[in-house]
N, C-alpha and C. Protein backbone atom coordinates (compact mmCIF):
# COMPACT_ATOMS: atom_id res chain seq x y z
N MET A 1 -16.72 12.93 -4.93
CA MET A 1 -15.82 14.02 -5.72
C MET A 1 -14.38 13.72 -5.03
N SER A 2 -13.53 13.53 -6.20
CA SER A 2 -12.19 13.10 -5.50
C SER A 2 -11.57 14.46 -5.06
N THR A 3 -10.47 14.37 -4.29
CA THR A 3 -9.57 15.33 -3.84
C THR A 3 -8.19 15.25 -3.91
N ARG A 4 -7.37 16.14 -4.10
CA ARG A 4 -5.99 15.90 -4.49
C ARG A 4 -5.11 17.02 -3.59
N ALA A 5 -4.10 16.66 -2.99
CA ALA A 5 -3.33 18.07 -2.22
C ALA A 5 -1.65 17.39 -2.34
N VAL A 6 -1.14 18.39 -2.19
CA VAL A 6 0.61 18.13 -2.13
C VAL A 6 0.90 18.80 -0.91
N HIS A 7 1.86 18.20 -0.43
CA HIS A 7 2.62 18.67 0.86
C HIS A 7 3.99 18.27 0.64
N ARG A 8 4.96 19.50 0.84
CA ARG A 8 6.30 19.30 0.67
C ARG A 8 6.90 19.45 1.73
N PRO A 9 7.75 18.70 2.53
CA PRO A 9 8.38 18.79 4.05
C PRO A 9 9.48 20.00 3.71
N ALA A 10 9.62 20.83 4.80
CA ALA A 10 10.89 21.66 4.59
C ALA A 10 12.04 21.12 4.78
N GLY A 11 13.25 21.25 4.21
CA GLY A 11 14.32 20.78 4.37
C GLY A 11 14.51 19.33 4.32
N ALA A 12 13.79 18.72 3.51
CA ALA A 12 14.03 17.28 3.27
C ALA A 12 15.10 16.97 2.42
N PRO A 13 16.10 16.19 2.82
CA PRO A 13 17.27 15.67 2.06
C PRO A 13 16.80 15.16 0.58
N PRO A 14 17.67 15.45 -0.34
CA PRO A 14 17.41 14.94 -1.56
C PRO A 14 17.61 13.44 -1.66
N GLY A 15 16.70 12.58 -2.44
CA GLY A 15 17.19 11.16 -2.71
C GLY A 15 18.22 10.92 -3.47
N ALA A 16 18.82 9.65 -3.43
CA ALA A 16 19.74 9.43 -4.58
C ALA A 16 19.19 8.47 -5.70
N PRO A 17 18.87 9.03 -6.89
CA PRO A 17 18.27 8.01 -7.97
C PRO A 17 19.12 6.79 -8.12
N ALA A 18 18.32 5.67 -8.44
CA ALA A 18 19.13 4.44 -8.82
C ALA A 18 18.59 3.95 -10.07
N GLY A 19 19.17 3.22 -10.71
CA GLY A 19 18.76 2.63 -11.85
C GLY A 19 18.34 1.25 -11.70
N GLY A 20 17.57 0.59 -12.96
CA GLY A 20 17.10 -0.68 -12.77
C GLY A 20 15.53 -1.02 -12.37
N PRO A 21 15.20 -2.10 -12.49
CA PRO A 21 13.70 -2.42 -11.92
C PRO A 21 13.53 -2.05 -10.48
N LEU A 22 12.27 -1.48 -10.01
CA LEU A 22 11.86 -1.17 -8.72
C LEU A 22 11.92 -2.58 -8.08
N THR A 23 12.10 -2.47 -6.83
CA THR A 23 11.74 -3.56 -5.90
C THR A 23 10.68 -3.09 -5.06
N ALA A 24 9.72 -4.00 -4.40
CA ALA A 24 8.71 -3.52 -3.47
C ALA A 24 8.41 -4.61 -2.39
N GLY A 25 8.22 -3.87 -1.39
CA GLY A 25 7.64 -4.75 -0.16
C GLY A 25 6.10 -4.29 0.27
N SER A 26 5.43 -5.20 0.80
CA SER A 26 3.88 -5.21 0.93
C SER A 26 3.70 -5.29 2.66
N LEU A 27 3.08 -4.19 3.36
CA LEU A 27 2.80 -4.61 4.61
C LEU A 27 1.14 -4.36 4.55
N CYS A 28 0.92 -5.36 5.67
CA CYS A 28 -0.73 -5.46 5.80
C CYS A 28 -1.04 -6.02 4.61
N SER A 29 -0.72 -6.84 3.84
CA SER A 29 -0.95 -7.03 2.63
C SER A 29 -2.27 -7.49 2.06
N GLY A 30 -3.00 -8.23 2.94
CA GLY A 30 -4.35 -8.73 2.51
C GLY A 30 -4.10 -9.63 1.47
N TYR A 31 -5.00 -9.72 0.35
CA TYR A 31 -4.81 -10.60 -0.61
C TYR A 31 -3.94 -10.23 -1.72
N GLY A 32 -3.66 -8.80 -1.41
CA GLY A 32 -2.54 -8.35 -2.60
C GLY A 32 -3.14 -7.61 -3.72
N GLY A 33 -4.20 -6.96 -3.35
CA GLY A 33 -5.02 -6.13 -4.43
C GLY A 33 -4.12 -4.86 -4.73
N LEU A 34 -3.77 -4.27 -3.64
CA LEU A 34 -2.79 -3.05 -3.93
C LEU A 34 -1.64 -3.46 -4.50
N ASP A 35 -1.02 -4.30 -4.13
CA ASP A 35 0.18 -4.58 -4.71
C ASP A 35 0.24 -5.22 -6.22
N LEU A 36 -0.99 -5.57 -6.59
CA LEU A 36 -1.13 -6.01 -8.22
C LEU A 36 -1.37 -4.71 -8.80
N ALA A 37 -1.91 -3.63 -8.15
CA ALA A 37 -2.06 -2.25 -8.81
C ALA A 37 -0.78 -1.71 -9.20
N VAL A 38 0.00 -1.83 -8.04
CA VAL A 38 1.33 -1.21 -8.03
C VAL A 38 2.20 -1.61 -9.13
N MET A 39 2.22 -2.95 -8.99
CA MET A 39 3.10 -3.84 -10.22
C MET A 39 2.67 -3.52 -11.33
N ALA A 40 1.32 -3.49 -11.51
CA ALA A 40 0.74 -3.31 -13.04
C ALA A 40 1.19 -1.98 -13.40
N VAL A 41 1.39 -0.92 -12.59
CA VAL A 41 1.67 0.41 -13.13
C VAL A 41 3.12 0.46 -13.25
N THR A 42 3.99 0.03 -12.25
CA THR A 42 5.41 0.34 -12.21
C THR A 42 6.21 -0.74 -12.62
N GLY A 43 5.67 -1.94 -12.78
CA GLY A 43 6.66 -3.09 -13.17
C GLY A 43 7.65 -3.70 -12.19
N ALA A 44 7.17 -3.18 -10.78
CA ALA A 44 8.11 -3.48 -9.93
C ALA A 44 7.96 -4.73 -9.57
N ARG A 45 9.15 -5.52 -8.92
CA ARG A 45 9.34 -6.71 -8.42
C ARG A 45 9.27 -7.01 -6.84
N LEU A 46 8.18 -8.07 -6.76
CA LEU A 46 7.62 -7.98 -5.44
C LEU A 46 8.80 -8.69 -4.45
N ALA A 47 9.28 -8.12 -3.60
CA ALA A 47 10.61 -8.75 -2.54
C ALA A 47 10.02 -9.46 -1.45
N TRP A 48 8.99 -9.19 -0.94
CA TRP A 48 8.23 -9.80 0.30
C TRP A 48 6.90 -8.93 0.78
N VAL A 49 5.98 -9.93 1.40
CA VAL A 49 4.67 -9.50 1.89
C VAL A 49 4.56 -9.50 3.29
N ALA A 50 3.56 -9.18 4.03
CA ALA A 50 3.46 -9.45 5.32
C ALA A 50 2.12 -9.46 5.70
N GLU A 51 1.53 -10.73 6.09
CA GLU A 51 -0.04 -10.79 6.26
C GLU A 51 -0.02 -11.95 7.10
N THR A 52 -1.12 -12.09 8.16
CA THR A 52 -1.28 -13.04 9.22
C THR A 52 -2.52 -13.62 9.03
N ASP A 53 -3.51 -13.23 8.27
CA ASP A 53 -4.66 -13.99 7.84
C ASP A 53 -4.29 -15.11 6.91
N ARG A 54 -4.71 -16.29 7.36
CA ARG A 54 -4.40 -17.48 6.74
C ARG A 54 -4.87 -17.59 5.35
N TYR A 55 -6.12 -17.26 5.21
CA TYR A 55 -6.72 -17.21 3.87
C TYR A 55 -6.17 -16.26 2.83
N ALA A 56 -5.93 -14.95 3.31
CA ALA A 56 -5.35 -14.00 2.63
C ALA A 56 -3.89 -14.37 2.15
N ALA A 57 -3.19 -15.09 3.09
CA ALA A 57 -1.77 -15.34 3.08
C ALA A 57 -1.80 -16.57 1.88
N ALA A 58 -2.79 -17.43 1.92
CA ALA A 58 -3.01 -18.38 0.80
C ALA A 58 -2.94 -17.71 -0.41
N VAL A 59 -3.89 -16.75 -0.68
CA VAL A 59 -3.97 -15.94 -1.97
C VAL A 59 -2.70 -15.35 -2.46
N LEU A 60 -1.94 -14.83 -1.60
CA LEU A 60 -0.75 -14.20 -1.79
C LEU A 60 0.45 -15.40 -2.37
N ALA A 61 0.47 -16.51 -1.58
CA ALA A 61 1.23 -17.57 -1.92
C ALA A 61 0.82 -18.20 -3.16
N HIS A 62 -0.47 -18.15 -3.59
CA HIS A 62 -0.85 -18.56 -5.12
C HIS A 62 -0.23 -17.76 -6.09
N HIS A 63 -0.44 -16.35 -5.80
CA HIS A 63 0.09 -15.52 -6.88
C HIS A 63 1.85 -15.26 -6.91
N TRP A 64 2.39 -15.34 -5.62
CA TRP A 64 3.89 -15.20 -5.62
C TRP A 64 4.46 -16.33 -4.84
N PRO A 65 4.43 -17.50 -5.30
CA PRO A 65 4.85 -18.66 -4.57
C PRO A 65 6.23 -18.48 -4.10
N ASP A 66 6.93 -17.57 -4.77
CA ASP A 66 8.55 -17.55 -4.21
C ASP A 66 8.79 -16.39 -3.30
N VAL A 67 7.82 -15.66 -3.09
CA VAL A 67 7.89 -14.44 -2.16
C VAL A 67 7.71 -14.64 -0.71
N PRO A 68 8.77 -14.46 0.17
CA PRO A 68 8.54 -14.81 1.60
C PRO A 68 7.35 -13.87 2.00
N ASP A 69 6.61 -14.51 3.03
CA ASP A 69 5.63 -13.76 3.94
C ASP A 69 6.27 -13.33 5.17
N LEU A 70 6.67 -12.23 5.66
CA LEU A 70 7.19 -11.98 6.69
C LEU A 70 6.26 -12.02 8.10
N GLY A 71 4.85 -12.26 7.82
CA GLY A 71 3.84 -12.23 8.91
C GLY A 71 3.37 -11.20 9.52
N ASP A 72 3.49 -11.22 11.05
CA ASP A 72 3.04 -9.94 11.74
C ASP A 72 3.93 -8.83 11.96
N VAL A 73 3.57 -7.70 11.58
CA VAL A 73 4.17 -6.70 11.25
C VAL A 73 4.62 -5.87 12.61
N THR A 74 3.82 -6.38 13.77
CA THR A 74 4.16 -5.71 15.02
C THR A 74 5.41 -6.64 15.51
N ALA A 75 5.83 -7.84 15.03
CA ALA A 75 6.69 -8.58 15.71
C ALA A 75 7.90 -8.47 14.74
N LEU A 76 7.92 -7.54 13.78
CA LEU A 76 9.37 -7.58 12.72
C LEU A 76 10.38 -6.72 13.44
N ASP A 77 11.48 -7.34 13.20
CA ASP A 77 12.74 -6.64 13.49
C ASP A 77 13.04 -5.90 12.09
N TRP A 78 13.02 -4.61 12.23
CA TRP A 78 13.05 -3.81 10.73
C TRP A 78 14.34 -3.71 10.25
N ALA A 79 15.48 -3.86 11.18
CA ALA A 79 16.90 -3.92 10.72
C ALA A 79 17.10 -5.20 9.99
N LYS A 80 16.32 -6.31 9.99
CA LYS A 80 16.52 -7.62 9.26
C LYS A 80 15.55 -7.52 8.20
N VAL A 81 14.51 -6.79 7.69
CA VAL A 81 13.86 -6.72 6.60
C VAL A 81 14.56 -6.48 5.51
N PRO A 82 14.59 -6.88 4.23
CA PRO A 82 15.39 -6.41 3.16
C PRO A 82 14.85 -5.34 2.67
N PRO A 83 15.83 -4.38 2.37
CA PRO A 83 15.54 -2.84 1.70
C PRO A 83 14.71 -3.06 0.36
N VAL A 84 14.07 -2.18 0.16
CA VAL A 84 13.35 -2.33 -1.08
C VAL A 84 13.10 -0.91 -1.69
N ASP A 85 12.72 -0.58 -2.93
CA ASP A 85 12.42 0.86 -3.46
C ASP A 85 11.23 1.48 -3.02
N LEU A 86 10.19 0.60 -2.72
CA LEU A 86 8.84 0.86 -2.74
C LEU A 86 8.27 0.02 -1.61
N VAL A 87 7.36 0.77 -0.66
CA VAL A 87 6.66 0.01 0.21
C VAL A 87 5.13 0.40 0.04
N SER A 88 4.25 -0.63 -0.05
CA SER A 88 2.99 -0.58 -0.18
C SER A 88 2.08 -0.88 1.43
N ALA A 89 1.13 -0.30 1.30
CA ALA A 89 0.49 -0.70 2.96
C ALA A 89 -1.08 -0.38 2.66
N GLY A 90 -1.90 -1.20 2.99
CA GLY A 90 -3.42 -0.86 3.01
C GLY A 90 -3.70 -1.43 4.53
N TRP A 91 -3.51 -0.63 5.41
CA TRP A 91 -3.68 -1.19 6.90
C TRP A 91 -5.20 -0.97 7.32
N PRO A 92 -5.44 -1.74 8.40
CA PRO A 92 -6.89 -1.93 8.78
C PRO A 92 -7.55 -0.65 9.09
N CYS A 93 -8.84 -0.54 8.59
CA CYS A 93 -9.82 0.63 8.48
C CYS A 93 -10.80 0.70 9.61
N GLN A 94 -10.77 -0.28 10.46
CA GLN A 94 -11.90 -0.58 11.27
C GLN A 94 -12.28 0.69 12.23
N ASP A 95 -11.24 1.35 12.76
CA ASP A 95 -11.20 2.57 13.56
C ASP A 95 -11.02 3.82 12.84
N ILE A 96 -11.16 3.78 11.53
CA ILE A 96 -11.13 4.89 10.81
C ILE A 96 -12.50 5.11 9.99
N SER A 97 -12.94 4.08 9.59
CA SER A 97 -14.30 3.92 8.76
C SER A 97 -15.49 4.61 9.62
N TYR A 98 -16.39 5.02 9.07
CA TYR A 98 -17.64 5.72 9.70
C TYR A 98 -18.39 4.56 10.12
N ALA A 99 -18.48 3.37 9.80
CA ALA A 99 -19.07 2.27 10.35
C ALA A 99 -18.45 1.73 11.55
N GLY A 100 -17.34 2.30 11.97
CA GLY A 100 -16.56 1.85 13.32
C GLY A 100 -16.88 2.73 14.44
N PRO A 101 -15.88 2.58 15.52
CA PRO A 101 -15.88 3.09 16.70
C PRO A 101 -15.59 4.82 16.63
N GLY A 102 -14.61 5.03 15.57
CA GLY A 102 -14.16 6.26 15.15
C GLY A 102 -13.00 6.77 16.22
N ALA A 103 -12.37 5.67 16.73
CA ALA A 103 -11.21 5.95 17.43
C ALA A 103 -9.88 6.76 16.58
N GLY A 104 -10.03 6.27 15.17
CA GLY A 104 -8.94 6.85 14.35
C GLY A 104 -7.67 6.28 14.45
N ILE A 105 -6.68 6.93 14.31
CA ILE A 105 -5.30 6.25 14.11
C ILE A 105 -4.66 6.49 15.87
N THR A 106 -5.10 5.45 16.50
CA THR A 106 -4.84 5.43 18.04
C THR A 106 -3.71 4.28 18.45
N GLU A 107 -2.86 4.38 19.38
CA GLU A 107 -2.15 3.20 19.60
C GLU A 107 -2.95 2.30 20.29
N GLY A 108 -2.78 0.94 19.98
CA GLY A 108 -3.71 -0.17 20.70
C GLY A 108 -4.74 -0.21 19.85
N THR A 109 -5.06 0.15 18.97
CA THR A 109 -6.38 -0.01 18.07
C THR A 109 -5.63 -0.76 16.78
N ARG A 110 -6.81 -1.30 16.07
CA ARG A 110 -6.30 -2.05 14.62
C ARG A 110 -5.94 -0.85 13.67
N SER A 111 -6.52 0.18 13.56
CA SER A 111 -6.23 1.16 12.77
C SER A 111 -4.74 2.08 13.21
N GLY A 112 -4.39 1.53 14.43
CA GLY A 112 -3.27 2.20 14.95
C GLY A 112 -2.09 1.67 14.61
N LEU A 113 -2.38 0.34 13.37
CA LEU A 113 -0.92 -0.36 13.06
C LEU A 113 -0.31 0.60 11.84
N TRP A 114 -0.93 2.02 11.66
CA TRP A 114 -0.21 2.96 11.07
C TRP A 114 1.23 3.27 11.58
N LEU A 115 0.90 3.42 13.00
CA LEU A 115 2.33 3.72 13.99
C LEU A 115 3.32 2.72 13.58
N THR A 116 3.04 1.43 13.63
CA THR A 116 4.04 0.55 13.20
C THR A 116 4.70 0.61 11.85
N ILE A 117 3.68 0.95 10.89
CA ILE A 117 4.19 0.94 9.46
C ILE A 117 5.26 2.33 9.35
N ALA A 118 4.72 3.25 10.13
CA ALA A 118 5.61 4.48 10.05
C ALA A 118 6.97 4.15 10.70
N ASP A 119 6.90 3.40 11.79
CA ASP A 119 8.38 2.85 12.54
C ASP A 119 9.12 2.13 11.18
N GLY A 120 8.35 1.27 10.49
CA GLY A 120 9.14 0.51 9.48
C GLY A 120 9.55 1.49 8.49
N LEU A 121 8.88 2.46 8.09
CA LEU A 121 9.42 3.20 6.99
C LEU A 121 10.65 4.02 7.46
N ARG A 122 10.54 4.34 8.63
CA ARG A 122 11.76 5.16 9.10
C ARG A 122 12.91 4.31 9.14
N CYS A 123 12.93 3.03 9.34
CA CYS A 123 13.97 2.10 9.36
C CYS A 123 14.44 1.79 7.73
N LEU A 124 13.44 1.46 7.12
CA LEU A 124 13.64 0.89 5.70
C LEU A 124 13.76 2.18 4.59
N ARG A 125 13.40 3.13 4.90
CA ARG A 125 13.72 4.40 4.17
C ARG A 125 13.58 4.14 2.59
N PRO A 126 12.57 3.56 2.16
CA PRO A 126 12.10 3.37 0.79
C PRO A 126 12.12 4.65 -0.02
N ALA A 127 12.26 4.70 -1.21
CA ALA A 127 12.25 6.01 -2.19
C ALA A 127 10.81 6.29 -2.21
N TYR A 128 9.73 5.27 -2.28
CA TYR A 128 8.37 5.52 -2.60
C TYR A 128 7.54 4.74 -1.46
N VAL A 129 6.37 5.33 -1.29
CA VAL A 129 5.48 4.68 -0.38
C VAL A 129 4.01 4.73 -0.96
N PHE A 130 3.33 3.62 -1.18
CA PHE A 130 1.76 3.48 -1.52
C PHE A 130 1.06 3.29 -0.49
N LEU A 131 0.15 4.26 0.14
CA LEU A 131 -0.87 3.81 1.05
C LEU A 131 -2.38 3.72 0.48
N GLU A 132 -3.19 2.92 1.28
CA GLU A 132 -4.46 2.88 1.04
C GLU A 132 -5.31 2.72 2.08
N ASN A 133 -6.54 3.52 2.19
CA ASN A 133 -7.38 3.13 3.16
C ASN A 133 -8.77 3.88 2.79
N VAL A 134 -9.55 3.72 3.71
CA VAL A 134 -11.04 4.22 3.62
C VAL A 134 -11.21 5.74 3.22
N ALA A 135 -12.04 6.41 2.60
CA ALA A 135 -12.13 7.65 2.19
C ALA A 135 -12.39 8.50 3.64
N ALA A 136 -12.82 7.97 4.78
CA ALA A 136 -12.90 8.68 5.74
C ALA A 136 -11.74 9.00 6.51
N LEU A 137 -10.57 8.47 6.10
CA LEU A 137 -9.34 8.90 6.74
C LEU A 137 -9.04 10.26 6.50
N ARG A 138 -9.80 11.00 5.51
CA ARG A 138 -9.64 12.42 5.34
C ARG A 138 -9.94 13.21 6.50
N THR A 139 -10.84 12.73 7.27
CA THR A 139 -11.24 13.24 8.57
C THR A 139 -10.97 12.58 9.81
N ARG A 140 -10.30 11.50 9.48
CA ARG A 140 -10.14 10.72 10.71
C ARG A 140 -8.51 10.15 10.71
N GLY A 141 -7.67 11.01 10.36
CA GLY A 141 -6.21 10.62 10.63
C GLY A 141 -5.28 11.09 9.39
N LEU A 142 -5.78 11.47 8.34
CA LEU A 142 -5.13 12.13 7.13
C LEU A 142 -3.94 12.89 7.71
N GLY A 143 -4.13 13.98 8.48
CA GLY A 143 -3.13 14.79 8.99
C GLY A 143 -2.00 14.19 9.48
N LYS A 144 -2.39 13.14 10.41
CA LYS A 144 -1.38 12.34 11.20
C LYS A 144 -0.55 11.47 10.19
N VAL A 145 -1.07 10.86 9.15
CA VAL A 145 -0.54 10.20 8.18
C VAL A 145 0.62 10.93 7.41
N ILE A 146 0.12 12.24 6.90
CA ILE A 146 0.56 13.06 6.13
C ILE A 146 2.00 13.66 7.05
N SER A 147 1.91 14.15 7.96
CA SER A 147 2.73 14.66 9.06
C SER A 147 3.82 13.58 9.40
N ASP A 148 3.39 12.69 9.62
CA ASP A 148 4.43 11.30 9.92
C ASP A 148 5.30 11.14 8.35
N LEU A 149 4.70 11.26 7.36
CA LEU A 149 5.43 11.25 6.05
C LEU A 149 6.24 12.34 5.92
N ALA A 150 5.76 13.43 6.11
CA ALA A 150 6.59 14.89 5.91
C ALA A 150 8.09 14.45 6.94
N ALA A 151 7.66 14.03 8.08
CA ALA A 151 8.84 14.02 9.02
C ALA A 151 9.78 13.08 8.73
N LEU A 152 9.59 11.98 7.78
CA LEU A 152 10.45 11.08 7.35
C LEU A 152 11.01 11.46 6.01
N GLY A 153 10.68 12.49 5.61
CA GLY A 153 11.33 13.24 4.25
C GLY A 153 10.62 12.77 3.12
N TYR A 154 9.04 12.70 3.11
CA TYR A 154 8.44 12.51 1.87
C TYR A 154 7.77 13.48 1.26
N ASP A 155 7.49 13.73 0.13
CA ASP A 155 6.78 14.62 -0.36
C ASP A 155 5.53 13.70 -0.82
N THR A 156 4.18 14.17 -0.61
CA THR A 156 3.01 13.35 -0.60
C THR A 156 1.94 14.05 -1.53
N GLN A 157 1.25 13.09 -2.28
CA GLN A 157 0.13 13.34 -2.99
C GLN A 157 -0.76 12.45 -2.56
N TRP A 158 -2.24 12.94 -2.56
CA TRP A 158 -3.31 11.96 -2.15
C TRP A 158 -4.72 12.31 -3.11
N THR A 159 -5.39 11.24 -3.25
CA THR A 159 -6.63 11.40 -3.95
C THR A 159 -7.54 10.45 -3.76
N CYS A 160 -8.91 10.60 -3.65
CA CYS A 160 -10.15 9.39 -3.48
C CYS A 160 -10.44 9.06 -4.95
N LEU A 161 -10.42 7.59 -5.17
CA LEU A 161 -10.96 6.97 -6.19
C LEU A 161 -11.99 6.14 -5.89
N ARG A 162 -13.08 5.94 -6.64
CA ARG A 162 -14.35 4.77 -6.15
C ARG A 162 -14.01 3.64 -7.11
N ALA A 163 -14.51 2.63 -6.71
CA ALA A 163 -14.52 1.18 -7.53
C ALA A 163 -15.28 1.70 -8.87
N ALA A 164 -16.29 2.37 -8.73
CA ALA A 164 -16.93 2.80 -10.11
C ALA A 164 -16.29 3.51 -10.89
N ASP A 165 -15.07 4.38 -10.54
CA ASP A 165 -14.31 4.96 -11.55
C ASP A 165 -13.50 4.06 -12.55
N ALA A 166 -13.58 2.81 -11.76
CA ALA A 166 -12.80 1.78 -12.85
C ALA A 166 -13.65 0.64 -13.46
N GLY A 167 -15.19 1.09 -13.35
CA GLY A 167 -16.12 0.47 -14.15
C GLY A 167 -16.83 -0.70 -13.36
N ALA A 168 -16.47 -0.58 -11.91
CA ALA A 168 -17.44 -1.49 -10.89
C ALA A 168 -18.55 -1.05 -10.70
N PRO A 169 -19.68 -1.89 -10.34
CA PRO A 169 -21.14 -1.48 -10.19
C PRO A 169 -21.33 -1.06 -8.74
N HIS A 170 -20.29 -0.24 -8.08
CA HIS A 170 -20.54 0.13 -6.70
C HIS A 170 -19.54 0.95 -6.46
N ARG A 171 -19.67 1.82 -5.25
CA ARG A 171 -18.94 3.08 -5.05
C ARG A 171 -17.51 2.69 -4.34
N ARG A 172 -17.38 2.12 -3.08
CA ARG A 172 -16.24 1.64 -2.51
C ARG A 172 -15.20 2.81 -2.58
N ASP A 173 -15.43 3.86 -1.99
CA ASP A 173 -14.42 5.19 -2.33
C ASP A 173 -13.13 4.88 -1.29
N ARG A 174 -12.03 5.04 -1.89
CA ARG A 174 -10.83 4.68 -1.14
C ARG A 174 -9.95 5.96 -1.27
N LEU A 175 -9.35 6.24 -0.21
CA LEU A 175 -8.19 7.20 -0.23
C LEU A 175 -6.83 6.44 -0.61
N LEU A 176 -6.05 7.09 -1.70
CA LEU A 176 -4.85 6.37 -2.08
C LEU A 176 -3.73 7.79 -1.79
N ILE A 177 -2.63 7.24 -1.30
CA ILE A 177 -1.73 8.37 -0.82
C ILE A 177 -0.23 7.82 -1.48
N LEU A 178 0.61 8.54 -1.98
CA LEU A 178 1.82 8.48 -2.80
C LEU A 178 2.74 9.38 -1.95
N GLY A 179 3.79 8.54 -1.33
CA GLY A 179 5.04 9.57 -0.66
C GLY A 179 6.13 9.20 -1.60
N VAL A 180 6.79 10.22 -2.01
CA VAL A 180 8.02 10.17 -2.74
C VAL A 180 9.19 10.91 -2.11
N ARG A 181 10.43 10.46 -2.14
CA ARG A 181 11.43 11.06 -1.46
C ARG A 181 12.03 12.32 -2.74
N PRO A 182 12.29 13.52 -2.00
CA PRO A 182 12.89 14.55 -3.10
C PRO A 182 13.99 13.75 -3.86
N GLY A 183 13.80 14.06 -5.43
CA GLY A 183 14.65 13.76 -6.21
C GLY A 183 14.65 12.30 -6.85
N GLU A 184 13.35 11.70 -6.51
CA GLU A 184 13.04 10.22 -6.92
C GLU A 184 12.01 10.32 -7.72
N ALA A 185 11.30 11.42 -7.90
CA ALA A 185 9.92 11.41 -8.80
C ALA A 185 10.23 10.91 -10.35
N ALA A 186 11.33 11.24 -10.96
CA ALA A 186 11.74 10.95 -12.25
C ALA A 186 11.77 9.60 -12.46
N ARG A 187 12.44 8.84 -11.44
CA ARG A 187 12.49 7.34 -11.76
C ARG A 187 11.15 6.76 -11.59
N LEU A 188 10.31 7.17 -10.61
CA LEU A 188 9.01 6.54 -10.70
C LEU A 188 8.16 6.79 -11.94
N ALA A 189 8.18 7.95 -12.32
CA ALA A 189 7.46 8.46 -13.64
C ALA A 189 8.19 7.40 -14.92
N ALA A 190 9.33 7.30 -15.01
CA ALA A 190 9.90 6.31 -16.08
C ALA A 190 9.24 5.05 -15.89
N ALA A 191 9.29 4.56 -14.65
CA ALA A 191 8.72 3.09 -14.52
C ALA A 191 7.36 3.02 -14.77
N ALA A 192 6.38 4.04 -14.69
CA ALA A 192 4.98 3.99 -14.99
C ALA A 192 4.76 4.05 -16.56
N ASP A 193 4.81 2.80 -17.14
CA ASP A 193 4.98 2.52 -18.52
C ASP A 193 3.32 2.51 -18.81
N PRO A 194 2.93 3.68 -19.95
CA PRO A 194 1.43 3.60 -20.26
C PRO A 194 1.00 2.02 -20.97
N GLY A 195 2.03 1.45 -21.69
CA GLY A 195 1.57 0.25 -22.01
C GLY A 195 1.28 -0.73 -21.35
N ARG A 196 2.25 -0.85 -20.09
CA ARG A 196 1.82 -1.88 -19.02
C ARG A 196 0.42 -1.76 -18.50
N ARG A 197 -0.14 -0.37 -18.06
CA ARG A 197 -1.39 -0.18 -17.63
C ARG A 197 -2.61 -0.57 -18.55
N GLU A 198 -2.38 -0.30 -19.82
CA GLU A 198 -3.36 -0.89 -20.81
C GLU A 198 -3.49 -2.17 -20.93
N LEU A 199 -2.35 -2.96 -20.80
CA LEU A 199 -2.30 -4.59 -20.66
C LEU A 199 -3.21 -5.02 -19.51
N GLN A 200 -2.83 -4.27 -18.21
CA GLN A 200 -3.52 -4.81 -17.04
C GLN A 200 -4.89 -4.56 -17.21
N ARG A 201 -5.56 -3.33 -17.73
CA ARG A 201 -6.96 -3.08 -17.86
C ARG A 201 -7.74 -4.10 -18.89
N ARG A 202 -6.73 -4.63 -19.66
CA ARG A 202 -7.56 -5.75 -20.54
C ARG A 202 -7.65 -7.32 -19.92
N ARG A 203 -6.85 -7.35 -18.83
CA ARG A 203 -6.89 -8.93 -18.06
C ARG A 203 -8.39 -8.97 -17.32
N GLY A 204 -8.75 -10.27 -17.50
CA GLY A 204 -9.84 -10.73 -16.81
C GLY A 204 -9.84 -11.08 -15.41
N PRO A 205 -11.04 -11.42 -14.96
CA PRO A 205 -11.35 -11.77 -13.65
C PRO A 205 -10.36 -13.06 -13.10
N ALA A 206 -10.17 -14.02 -14.14
CA ALA A 206 -9.57 -14.94 -13.66
C ALA A 206 -8.08 -14.86 -13.18
N ASP A 207 -7.62 -13.78 -13.71
CA ASP A 207 -6.11 -13.22 -13.21
C ASP A 207 -5.98 -13.08 -11.69
N LEU A 208 -7.30 -12.87 -11.13
CA LEU A 208 -7.42 -12.78 -9.57
C LEU A 208 -7.93 -14.02 -8.89
N ASP A 209 -7.91 -15.10 -9.69
CA ASP A 209 -8.32 -16.43 -8.91
C ASP A 209 -7.39 -16.76 -7.87
N GLY A 210 -7.86 -17.31 -6.65
CA GLY A 210 -6.85 -17.88 -5.82
C GLY A 210 -7.56 -19.04 -5.31
N PRO A 211 -6.86 -19.59 -4.15
CA PRO A 211 -7.24 -20.88 -3.48
C PRO A 211 -8.70 -20.42 -2.72
N PRO A 212 -9.35 -21.52 -2.46
CA PRO A 212 -10.74 -21.26 -1.69
C PRO A 212 -10.51 -20.57 -0.48
N GLY A 213 -11.67 -19.72 -0.08
CA GLY A 213 -11.71 -19.22 1.26
C GLY A 213 -12.43 -20.00 2.13
N PRO A 214 -12.83 -19.61 3.48
CA PRO A 214 -13.50 -20.21 4.51
C PRO A 214 -15.02 -20.72 4.00
N ALA A 215 -15.72 -19.98 3.37
CA ALA A 215 -17.00 -20.20 3.08
C ALA A 215 -16.80 -21.43 1.80
N GLU A 216 -16.12 -21.48 0.90
CA GLU A 216 -16.02 -22.44 -0.17
C GLU A 216 -15.52 -23.57 0.83
N GLU A 217 -14.59 -23.61 1.64
CA GLU A 217 -13.96 -24.70 2.22
C GLU A 217 -15.22 -25.48 2.88
N ALA A 218 -16.21 -24.63 3.40
CA ALA A 218 -17.29 -25.27 4.16
C ALA A 218 -18.65 -25.93 3.32
N ARG A 219 -18.39 -25.72 1.98
CA ARG A 219 -19.17 -26.29 1.16
C ARG A 219 -19.18 -27.72 1.11
N PRO A 220 -20.09 -28.44 0.94
CA PRO A 220 -20.00 -30.10 0.91
C PRO A 220 -19.33 -30.46 -0.74
């Protein structure tokens, strides 16, 4: 069963709405699945990604050959990262997942990369933040993420969605978080064109094809 909640930080400064297409940046990008969804809904233009796994980076380069990959998020100088309207991030889940050690969002762990992402958001100050992680985040770090976003001036909403909700034959429950700066919601709503979402639903699996992964490369 999905859950939804809203948190509004006290005294958050109003944002300054801007016109034109949204620009997007992606942290802990993986193969870009979250970014494909964000772009399908908002029509945003992807300005940069950040991924260290070479196979995932190859998929990103296949989909967006002209988009720079900033690499390791822990090594970034945030002051030199180009500003964007929205930032998406699906950071590692190993320490959050019920199948993992249960350390949660702790400095020095893989899931602790959220702390680095929060530092980046503090510097970049995008109008919108889209986050994804396993549903176990609800009891292993959601309070930390929401309080960090509130401290940065974001109103937040979150919900759990399953892959089965989109027609896939498996559960794969995921927590999705949206952070919006006060005064910026109208622009995001205007960008979320219903016709664009309908077009994305009609696209086939071939649209997600990419270069071969390690198992495919090992085949004779």
